[in-house]
Protein backbone atom coordinates (compact mmCIF):
# COMPACT_ATOMS: atom_id res chain seq x y z
CA MET A 1 -32.29 -7.02 21.68
CA GLN A 2 -35.39 -6.81 19.29
CA LEU A 3 -34.59 -8.86 16.82
CA GLY A 4 -37.55 -7.24 14.55
CA SER A 5 -35.22 -4.17 14.29
CA GLN A 6 -32.46 -5.65 13.34
CA LEU A 7 -33.08 -8.16 10.40
CA SER A 8 -32.22 -7.25 7.34
CA ARG A 9 -34.58 -6.99 4.28
CA ILE A 10 -32.73 -5.78 0.97
CA GLN A 11 -34.70 -4.61 -1.71
CA ASN A 12 -33.21 -4.35 -5.45
CA ALA A 13 -34.28 -2.43 -8.03
CA SER A 14 -36.96 -5.29 -9.03
CA GLY A 15 -38.39 -5.97 -5.73
CA SER A 16 -36.59 -9.05 -5.00
CA SER A 17 -35.79 -9.48 -1.32
CA PHE A 18 -32.42 -11.21 0.02
CA THR A 19 -32.20 -11.84 3.90
CA VAL A 20 -29.71 -14.13 5.84
CA GLU A 21 -31.55 -13.93 8.98
CA ALA A 22 -28.84 -15.12 11.53
CA LEU A 23 -25.95 -13.16 10.10
CA ALA A 24 -28.01 -9.83 9.36
CA SER A 25 -29.11 -9.80 12.96
CA VAL A 26 -25.60 -8.46 13.94
CA SER A 27 -25.59 -5.70 11.38
CA ASP A 28 -27.46 -2.57 10.49
CA PRO A 29 -29.98 -3.62 7.79
CA MET A 30 -28.92 -0.56 5.60
CA LEU A 31 -25.27 -1.12 5.82
CA ILE A 32 -25.33 -3.21 2.13
CA THR A 33 -27.01 -0.40 0.84
CA ALA A 34 -25.06 2.16 1.88
CA SER A 35 -21.69 0.86 0.58
CA LEU A 36 -22.77 0.10 -2.60
CA GLU A 37 -23.96 3.74 -2.69
CA ALA A 38 -20.85 5.08 -1.30
CA LEU A 39 -19.19 3.49 -4.44
CA ASP A 40 -21.64 3.87 -6.87
CA LYS A 41 -21.77 0.30 -7.10
CA ASP A 42 -25.72 -0.39 -6.76
CA SER A 43 -27.26 -1.90 -9.70
CA LYS A 44 -29.19 0.44 -11.89
CA ARG A 45 -30.67 -2.17 -13.72
CA THR A 46 -32.82 -5.07 -12.79
CA ARG A 47 -29.94 -8.14 -13.48
CA LYS A 48 -30.28 -11.89 -12.57
CA LEU A 49 -27.21 -11.14 -10.35
CA PRO A 50 -27.67 -7.71 -8.44
CA ALA A 51 -25.07 -6.19 -6.57
CA LYS A 52 -26.69 -6.84 -3.05
CA LEU A 53 -26.82 -10.34 -4.01
CA VAL A 54 -23.17 -10.56 -5.01
CA VAL A 55 -22.18 -8.63 -1.89
CA TRP A 56 -24.12 -11.68 0.20
CA LEU A 57 -22.46 -14.30 -2.15
CA VAL A 58 -19.04 -13.28 -1.40
CA VAL A 59 -19.66 -13.20 2.23
CA ALA A 60 -21.01 -16.75 2.05
CA MET A 61 -18.02 -18.17 -0.02
CA SER A 62 -16.07 -17.81 3.17
CA LEU A 63 -19.01 -19.60 5.31
CA TYR A 64 -19.03 -22.60 2.83
CA ARG A 65 -15.77 -22.50 1.57
CA HIS A 66 -15.83 -26.45 1.12
CA LEU A 67 -18.58 -25.24 -1.85
CA SER A 68 -17.99 -24.49 -5.15
CA ILE A 69 -19.22 -20.52 -6.10
CA ASP A 70 -22.29 -22.21 -8.24
CA ASN A 71 -23.09 -24.47 -5.12
CA VAL A 72 -22.61 -21.47 -2.82
CA LEU A 73 -24.86 -19.04 -4.94
CA TYR A 74 -27.25 -22.13 -4.87
CA GLN A 75 -27.42 -22.24 -1.12
CA LEU A 76 -27.98 -18.73 -0.94
CA VAL A 77 -31.30 -19.07 -3.09
CA GLN A 78 -32.58 -22.54 -2.20
CA GLY A 79 -31.08 -23.19 1.39
CA LEU A 80 -31.57 -19.31 2.88
CA GLY A 81 -34.58 -18.65 0.96
CA MET A 82 -33.25 -15.54 -1.02
CA ILE A 83 -35.95 -14.71 -3.34
CA VAL A 84 -34.98 -14.17 -7.04
CA HIS A 85 -36.45 -13.32 -10.73
CA TRP A 86 -34.59 -15.81 -12.98
CA LYS A 87 -37.00 -15.87 -16.01
CA ASP A 88 -36.03 -19.53 -17.45
CA GLY A 89 -35.72 -21.20 -13.48
CA ARG A 90 -32.01 -21.99 -14.08
CA ALA A 91 -29.19 -19.85 -12.20
CA PRO A 92 -26.59 -17.47 -13.67
CA GLY A 93 -23.32 -19.73 -15.25
CA SER A 94 -20.06 -19.23 -13.85
CA ASP A 95 -19.50 -16.74 -16.46
CA ALA A 96 -21.97 -14.61 -15.59
CA VAL A 97 -20.79 -14.67 -11.62
CA THR A 98 -17.61 -13.80 -12.40
CA LYS A 99 -18.50 -11.10 -14.47
CA ALA A 100 -20.90 -9.58 -11.10
CA ARG A 101 -18.09 -10.24 -9.36
CA SER A 102 -16.13 -7.84 -11.54
CA ARG A 103 -18.67 -5.11 -11.49
CA LEU A 104 -18.83 -5.01 -7.69
CA GLY A 105 -14.98 -4.76 -7.40
CA TRP A 106 -13.09 -5.32 -3.72
CA GLU A 107 -13.54 -1.30 -2.92
CA ALA A 108 -17.11 -1.76 -1.83
CA VAL A 109 -16.78 -4.81 0.58
CA ARG A 110 -14.14 -3.19 1.79
CA HIS A 111 -16.23 -0.05 2.85
CA LEU A 112 -19.02 -2.96 4.22
CA TYR A 113 -16.50 -4.21 6.14
CA ARG A 114 -14.91 -1.20 7.70
CA ALA A 115 -18.53 0.20 8.26
CA LEU A 116 -19.48 -3.17 9.99
CA ALA A 117 -16.37 -3.18 11.95
CA ALA A 118 -16.76 0.17 13.28
CA LEU A 119 -20.65 -1.25 14.35
CA LEU A 120 -19.58 -4.06 15.98
CA GLY A 121 -16.52 -2.68 18.01
CA ALA A 122 -18.62 0.12 19.30
CA LYS A 123 -21.54 -2.45 19.77
CA TYR A 124 -19.35 -5.05 21.75
CA ALA A 125 -17.02 -2.45 23.17
CA ASP A 126 -17.55 -4.16 26.76
CA SER A 127 -16.33 -7.53 25.32
CA HIS A 128 -12.46 -6.05 25.03
CA MET A 129 -11.98 -3.71 27.66
CA TYR A 130 -8.97 -3.48 30.09
CA ARG A 131 -10.01 -1.02 33.24
CA ASP A 132 -10.98 1.93 31.24
CA LEU A 133 -8.94 1.10 27.82
CA THR A 134 -10.04 -0.24 24.70
CA LEU A 135 -7.64 -3.60 24.54
CA LEU A 136 -6.20 -4.74 20.98
CA ALA A 137 -3.98 -7.25 19.63
CA LEU A 138 -1.83 -6.06 16.83
CA ASP A 139 -0.22 -8.93 14.27
CA GLY A 140 0.24 -9.61 10.62
CA THR A 141 -0.15 -12.87 8.64
CA THR A 142 -0.02 -14.34 5.27
CA PHE A 143 -2.74 -16.19 3.20
CA MET A 144 -2.09 -18.09 -0.12
CA THR A 145 -3.33 -17.29 -3.18
CA PRO A 146 -4.05 -19.40 -6.40
CA ASP A 147 -0.72 -19.91 -8.19
CA THR A 148 -1.11 -17.65 -11.85
CA GLU A 149 0.73 -14.98 -13.01
CA ALA A 150 -1.95 -12.18 -12.07
CA ASN A 151 -1.55 -12.79 -8.66
CA GLU A 152 2.00 -13.69 -8.28
CA GLY A 153 2.74 -10.27 -10.50
CA TRP A 154 0.85 -8.24 -7.61
CA PHE A 155 1.05 -10.13 -4.38
CA GLY A 156 4.71 -11.64 -4.96
CA ARG A 157 5.62 -15.36 -3.36
CA PRO A 158 8.39 -15.92 -0.48
CA LYS A 159 11.70 -16.32 -1.81
CA GLY A 160 14.34 -18.32 0.39
CA ASN A 161 17.31 -20.75 -0.19
CA ARG A 162 15.21 -23.86 -1.24
CA GLY A 163 13.82 -21.73 -4.19
CA ASN A 164 10.70 -19.68 -4.47
CA GLY A 165 7.52 -20.14 -2.09
CA ALA A 166 5.18 -22.74 -3.83
CA TYR A 167 2.33 -19.82 -3.81
CA PRO A 168 1.51 -15.98 -4.15
CA ARG A 169 0.65 -14.92 -0.73
CA ILE A 170 -1.43 -11.50 0.40
CA ARG A 171 -0.17 -9.81 3.82
CA LEU A 172 -2.74 -9.05 6.28
CA VAL A 173 -2.04 -6.89 9.36
CA ALA A 174 -4.97 -6.47 11.89
CA LEU A 175 -5.85 -5.18 14.76
CA MET A 176 -8.39 -7.06 16.87
CA GLY A 177 -10.05 -7.28 20.04
CA ALA A 178 -8.04 -9.27 22.57
CA TRP A 179 -10.87 -11.00 24.03
CA SER A 180 -14.25 -10.59 21.48
CA HIS A 181 -11.71 -11.48 18.72
CA LEU A 182 -13.18 -9.13 16.03
CA ILE A 183 -10.96 -8.22 13.70
CA LEU A 184 -11.80 -4.05 14.22
CA ALA A 185 -9.61 -2.69 11.44
CA ALA A 186 -7.32 -4.37 9.11
CA ALA A 187 -5.41 -3.91 5.85
CA PHE A 188 -3.86 -6.38 3.45
CA ALA A 189 -0.84 -5.47 1.23
CA PRO A 190 1.17 -7.76 -1.50
CA TYR A 191 3.82 -10.02 0.45
CA THR A 192 6.87 -8.18 -0.79
CA VAL A 193 5.64 -5.23 2.23
CA SER A 194 6.73 -5.59 4.90
CA GLU A 195 4.40 -6.27 7.94
CA LEU A 196 5.75 -2.96 9.77
CA ALA A 197 5.41 -0.66 6.69
CA CYS A 198 1.61 -2.54 6.09
CA ALA A 199 0.64 -1.64 9.84
CA LYS A 200 1.57 1.61 9.53
CA SER A 201 -1.62 2.38 7.85
CA LEU A 202 -3.50 1.05 10.61
CA LEU A 203 -1.90 3.65 13.43
CA ALA A 204 -4.52 6.15 12.41
CA GLN A 205 -7.27 3.76 13.34
CA VAL A 206 -5.74 3.01 16.54
CA GLU A 207 -8.53 5.40 18.65
CA SER A 208 -7.64 7.21 21.53
CA ASN A 209 -8.15 5.36 25.42
CA SER A 210 -6.93 2.16 23.86
CA LEU A 211 -4.12 -0.31 24.78
CA VAL A 212 -2.56 -1.94 21.67
CA LEU A 213 -0.37 -5.38 22.35
CA MET A 214 2.64 -6.30 20.01
CA ASP A 215 5.28 -8.58 19.95
CA ARG A 216 9.09 -7.83 19.25
CA LEU A 217 8.71 -7.41 15.25
CA TYR A 218 7.37 -3.81 16.52
CA TYR A 219 9.88 -3.04 19.10
CA SER A 220 11.28 0.02 17.38
CA PHE A 221 12.06 3.65 18.01
CA ALA A 222 10.14 5.03 15.54
CA TRP A 223 7.11 2.97 15.51
CA LEU A 224 6.64 3.75 19.20
CA ALA A 225 7.47 7.48 18.88
CA ALA A 226 4.96 8.10 16.44
CA PHE A 227 2.40 5.25 18.16
CA ASP A 228 2.76 7.33 21.63
CA ALA A 229 2.69 10.28 19.75
CA PRO A 230 1.10 13.32 22.38
CA ASN A 231 -2.50 13.87 23.39
CA THR A 232 -3.51 10.81 21.60
CA ARG A 233 -3.61 8.42 24.57
CA ARG A 234 -2.85 5.35 22.24
CA HIS A 235 -0.93 3.43 24.65
CA PHE A 236 1.07 0.22 24.09
CA LEU A 237 2.50 -3.05 25.65
CA ALA A 238 5.54 -4.64 23.52
CA ARG A 239 8.12 -7.47 24.20
CA ALA A 240 11.24 -5.80 23.82
CA LYS A 241 14.18 -7.32 21.57
CA THR A 242 17.52 -8.13 23.70
CA GLY A 243 20.06 -8.38 20.79
CA ALA A 244 23.06 -6.85 20.91
CA ARG A 245 22.53 -3.99 18.27
CA ASP A 246 18.68 -3.75 19.26
CA LEU A 247 17.23 -0.65 21.11
CA LYS A 248 18.37 -0.90 25.53
CA PRO A 249 15.72 0.65 27.80
CA LYS A 250 17.58 2.87 30.60
CA ARG A 251 15.91 2.86 33.99
CA ARG A 252 15.52 6.07 35.93
CA GLU A 253 13.40 4.94 38.47
CA LYS A 254 12.53 1.61 40.76
CA LEU A 255 8.58 1.22 41.00
CA GLY A 256 8.85 -2.14 42.64
CA GLU A 257 10.25 -5.65 42.25
CA ASN A 258 11.22 -5.74 38.43
CA ASP A 259 9.24 -2.96 37.67
CA TRP A 260 10.96 0.84 36.69
CA LEU A 261 10.24 4.08 35.09
CA GLY A 262 12.71 4.36 32.13
CA ILE A 263 13.29 5.83 28.40
CA LEU A 264 13.87 4.52 25.04
CA PRO A 265 16.67 6.67 24.04
CA LYS A 266 16.98 7.42 20.26
CA PRO A 267 19.28 5.48 18.69
CA ARG A 268 22.28 7.06 16.47
CA SER A 269 21.01 5.25 13.24
CA LEU A 270 17.98 7.68 13.55
CA ARG A 271 20.20 10.66 12.58
CA GLY A 272 19.67 13.31 9.39
CA PRO A 273 16.16 13.35 7.52
CA LYS A 274 15.03 10.43 8.44
CA ALA A 275 14.47 11.36 11.78
CA LYS A 276 12.89 14.57 11.13
CA GLY A 277 10.12 15.18 14.18
CA LEU A 278 11.03 12.30 16.10
CA PRO A 279 11.82 12.81 19.88
CA GLU A 280 15.09 12.09 21.53
CA GLU A 281 13.62 9.77 24.00
CA ILE A 282 10.26 7.86 24.80
CA GLU A 283 9.54 7.57 28.35
CA VAL A 284 8.54 3.90 28.68
CA ARG A 285 7.76 1.63 31.93
CA ILE A 286 10.14 -1.41 31.98
CA LEU A 287 9.12 -4.61 33.27
CA ARG A 288 10.94 -8.11 33.45
CA TYR A 289 9.63 -11.26 34.77
CA GLN A 290 10.45 -15.07 33.80
CA PHE A 291 8.19 -17.92 34.21
CA LYS A 292 9.86 -21.58 35.13
CA GLY A 293 11.31 -23.09 32.23
CA PHE A 294 11.42 -19.86 30.21
CA ARG A 295 13.75 -17.09 29.36
CA PRO A 296 13.44 -14.00 30.93
CA VAL A 297 11.04 -11.59 29.16
CA THR A 298 11.08 -7.75 28.99
CA LEU A 299 8.44 -5.29 28.48
CA VAL A 300 8.03 -1.94 27.83
CA THR A 301 4.57 -0.16 27.85
CA SER A 302 3.71 3.80 28.00
CA LEU A 303 1.15 2.80 31.18
CA LEU A 304 3.85 4.67 33.41
CA ASP A 305 1.12 4.29 36.76
CA PRO A 306 1.83 1.51 38.87
CA THR A 307 -0.91 2.17 41.04
CA ALA A 308 -3.83 2.73 37.85
CA TYR A 309 -2.12 -0.35 36.04
CA PRO A 310 -0.32 -3.10 38.61
CA TYR A 311 2.96 -4.99 37.51
CA GLU A 312 0.66 -8.47 37.66
CA GLU A 313 -2.24 -6.94 35.72
CA LEU A 314 -0.07 -5.79 32.72
CA VAL A 315 2.55 -8.95 32.58
CA ALA A 316 -0.77 -11.38 33.12
CA LEU A 317 -2.11 -8.84 29.90
CA TYR A 318 0.64 -9.21 27.62
CA HIS A 319 -0.28 -12.83 27.36
CA GLY A 320 -3.33 -12.03 25.71
CA ARG A 321 -1.18 -10.86 22.41
CA TRP A 322 -1.50 -14.30 21.90
CA GLU A 323 -5.17 -14.21 21.19
CA ILE A 324 -4.53 -12.68 18.03
CA GLU A 325 -2.75 -15.79 16.50
CA LEU A 326 -5.86 -17.78 17.92
CA GLY A 327 -7.98 -15.73 16.00
CA TYR A 328 -5.73 -16.19 13.03
CA ASP A 329 -6.22 -19.93 13.53
CA GLU A 330 -9.25 -19.79 13.70
CA VAL A 331 -10.05 -17.89 10.15
CA LYS A 332 -7.37 -19.82 8.80
CA THR A 333 -7.59 -23.38 9.74
CA HIS A 334 -11.55 -23.57 11.44
CA PHE A 335 -13.20 -20.90 9.16
CA ALA A 336 -11.36 -21.40 5.42
CA ARG A 337 -10.72 -24.99 5.97
CA GLU A 338 -7.88 -24.78 3.41
CA THR A 339 -4.40 -24.28 2.60
CA VAL A 340 -5.09 -21.58 -0.36
CA VAL A 341 -7.60 -19.92 1.47
CA PHE A 342 -8.99 -17.75 -1.72
CA ARG A 343 -10.34 -19.50 -5.30
CA SER A 344 -9.37 -16.27 -7.81
CA LYS A 345 -7.34 -16.15 -10.14
CA GLY A 346 -6.66 -12.50 -10.08
CA PRO A 347 -5.60 -10.04 -7.50
CA ASP A 348 -8.88 -7.49 -7.32
CA LYS A 349 -11.22 -10.68 -6.91
CA VAL A 350 -8.93 -12.14 -4.11
CA LEU A 351 -8.56 -8.65 -2.49
CA GLN A 352 -12.71 -9.25 -2.69
CA GLU A 353 -12.95 -12.41 -1.09
CA ALA A 354 -10.53 -11.45 1.11
CA TYR A 355 -12.64 -8.81 2.98
CA GLY A 356 -15.45 -11.06 2.30
CA LEU A 357 -13.92 -13.57 4.53
CA LEU A 358 -13.44 -10.92 7.69
CA ILE A 359 -17.08 -9.74 7.25
CA ALA A 360 -18.12 -13.65 7.55
CA TYR A 361 -15.75 -14.05 10.65
CA ASN A 362 -16.84 -10.62 12.47
CA CYS A 363 -20.42 -11.86 12.08
CA VAL A 364 -19.60 -15.34 13.51
CA ARG A 365 -17.73 -13.53 16.47
CA ALA A 366 -20.60 -10.91 16.79
CA LEU A 367 -23.11 -13.82 17.66
CA MET A 368 -20.73 -15.49 19.39
CA ALA A 369 -20.58 -12.43 21.49
CA GLN A 370 -24.16 -12.69 21.91
CA ALA A 371 -24.10 -15.67 23.47
CA ALA A 372 -21.26 -15.14 25.74
CA SER A 373 -23.38 -12.45 27.27
CA LYS A 374 -25.90 -14.65 27.96
CA ALA A 375 -23.78 -16.96 29.20
CA GLY A 376 -22.02 -14.83 31.43
CA VAL A 377 -18.67 -15.86 30.14
CA GLU A 378 -16.08 -14.03 27.82
CA PRO A 379 -16.31 -14.56 24.10
CA ARG A 380 -12.96 -16.52 24.02
CA SER A 381 -14.37 -18.87 26.06
CA LEU A 382 -16.98 -20.22 23.55
CA SER A 383 -15.69 -22.96 21.07
CA PHE A 384 -15.47 -21.60 17.69
CA VAL A 385 -16.18 -24.43 16.11
CA ASP A 386 -18.77 -25.78 17.66
CA CYS A 387 -20.24 -22.14 17.66
CA LEU A 388 -19.35 -22.50 13.70
CA VAL A 389 -21.36 -25.95 13.23
CA ARG A 390 -24.14 -24.06 14.55
CA ILE A 391 -24.52 -21.25 12.56
CA ARG A 392 -24.03 -22.95 9.37
CA PHE A 393 -26.97 -24.95 10.89
CA ALA A 394 -28.99 -22.37 11.82
CA LEU A 395 -28.96 -20.42 8.47
CA THR A 396 -30.90 -22.43 7.13
CA LYS A 397 -33.10 -23.28 9.78
CA MET A 398 -33.97 -19.80 10.26
CA ALA A 399 -33.90 -18.69 6.22
CA LEU A 400 -37.20 -21.61 5.80
CA ALA A 401 -38.90 -20.91 9.16
CA PRO A 402 -42.39 -18.55 8.74
CA THR A 403 -41.53 -14.76 9.76
CA ARG A 404 -43.93 -15.37 13.16
CA GLN A 405 -41.29 -17.91 14.25
CA LEU A 406 -38.05 -15.88 13.75
CA PRO A 407 -38.09 -14.30 16.84
CA ARG A 408 -38.36 -17.77 19.27
CA LEU A 409 -35.91 -19.50 16.98
CA TYR A 410 -33.31 -17.04 17.14
CA ASP A 411 -33.63 -16.83 21.33
CA GLU A 412 -32.83 -20.90 20.80
CA PHE A 413 -30.27 -19.95 18.72
CA VAL A 414 -28.24 -17.65 21.06
CA SER A 415 -29.45 -19.97 24.17
CA GLU A 416 -27.64 -22.53 22.00
CA LEU A 417 -23.99 -20.98 20.83
CA ALA A 418 -23.99 -20.23 25.02
CA THR A 419 -23.68 -23.73 25.57
CA CYS A 420 -20.72 -24.09 23.75
CA VAL A 421 -18.33 -23.05 26.73
CA LEU A 422 -14.68 -24.45 26.64
CA PRO A 423 -13.48 -26.50 29.40
CA PRO A 424 -10.78 -24.69 31.65
CA ARG A 425 -7.49 -23.69 29.85
CA ARG A 426 -4.46 -25.34 30.78
CA PRO A 427 -1.29 -23.13 31.39
CA GLU A 428 0.91 -25.28 31.59
CA ARG A 429 0.43 -26.92 27.94
CA VAL A 430 3.27 -25.73 25.93
CA TYR A 431 2.99 -25.37 21.51
CA PRO A 432 6.32 -25.54 20.13
CA ARG A 433 6.99 -24.05 16.61
CA ALA A 434 7.25 -27.54 14.92
CA VAL A 435 6.18 -29.84 12.55
CA LYS A 436 5.57 -32.66 12.15
CA ILE A 437 6.20 -34.19 8.67
CA LYS A 438 9.41 -31.48 7.38
CA MET A 439 10.59 -33.30 4.22
CA SER A 440 8.84 -34.81 1.07
CA SER A 441 10.36 -37.00 -1.31
CA PHE A 442 8.04 -35.72 -4.72
CA PRO A 443 9.48 -33.33 -6.97
CA LEU A 444 8.49 -29.43 -6.72
CA LYS A 445 5.37 -28.71 -8.76
CA ARG A 446 4.65 -25.55 -10.38
CA ASN A 447 1.23 -23.92 -12.22
CA GLN A 448 0.76 -23.75 -15.86
CA THR A 449 3.39 -20.74 -15.61
CA GLY A 450 5.54 -23.52 -15.62
CA ARG A 451 8.20 -21.83 -13.27
CA GLY A 452 10.09 -24.36 -10.69
CA ARG A 453 12.25 -27.46 -10.56
CA GLN A 454 11.24 -29.73 -12.95
CA PRO A 455 11.25 -33.74 -12.53
CA ARG A 456 14.29 -35.63 -12.40
CA LYS A 457 15.36 -37.94 -15.34
CA LYS A 458 15.99 -41.71 -14.52
CA GLY A 459 19.54 -41.73 -13.73
CA ALA A 460 20.02 -37.85 -12.27
């Protein structure tokens, strides 16, 4: 890779130059400009906070989650070497930053995320392949947002027997490269929208010649029928539910030990108008296995050829679905570092932050894919935490370096990332879904909205 062709030098109307060398090296220099122009968000006049700088600010807010937004802006201009022209020499205040983010909106950041995801998905396609298929994992998660009336009104909050959740939540459903951890497609929705309904918006983004790993939530006849539409070559590998009322696969031909060809018959509940366009049955392959100490597991897949896709490989492959859980852990625990990931008090800016988070995460993961290729390992074999520390350091180091030194520094930077190889995984380790601290004796607190349990009075 020629570094000079990768570095982004983004010009605004006044001639100011913005660059974040270490991150810009994984993307096309014109992506930000194209996204802003596509939605008519590019600055039409000279501003202290032009649109292109605000885009970098939104991305950097995720990279530097431990800093206030004002200090993130300071880090961009001072630490990362962005050249701006502020007449009085003082950075714009919080009100100016808020207005600039409002002018930018969230759709332009989503457009940039999608363009970058498509670019990286093609560039690092070899990092998430199984035989001749692109290997993807599909799953959902939620993020807490600040407790404001605006966020609650748009996103909603969990409800339960013990009362409503402490914070409004935004739902994310993503398609992730199973081995690269690149988030190749994503959809955000209010918490009140179900995960399966949210996932339907991603169905058109699943390309042909792909295999998607899914958990039991997606084991439904209508979903699998839509997924396995004729001539799409979109394949699935999903875990079957085993409840008394759940869909029961029927075996027709034995292919090997614990391996059968069979069908999923259309359930009786799918009749009338809601069953329009659905087939009477779905042809599937049924795989059954059991690990010592665990319950038996049944998988269904649309990969019917046992020679091209052996039983042992598919059983081992299904456990790659857990990679998306590890990816979400990287985003929420190690990347964001906060329980409430987003800062914004309004839904538009929360969505803006959310897509900025995905852009920043994909940039980090793309750099790790480069380093993994150099080290001769899979990207998931590198330590995300160690790489993130080195990337944050390199952002400042490369921004302050003379241009002539950048190629050498970049090669050294990638070589450093390539040393962050994790020790071999220990498959015998078990991670139960449990917490160390379950309850608290403190009264429930709500934000300024005034909802929730009030402090107890003495003697009550």
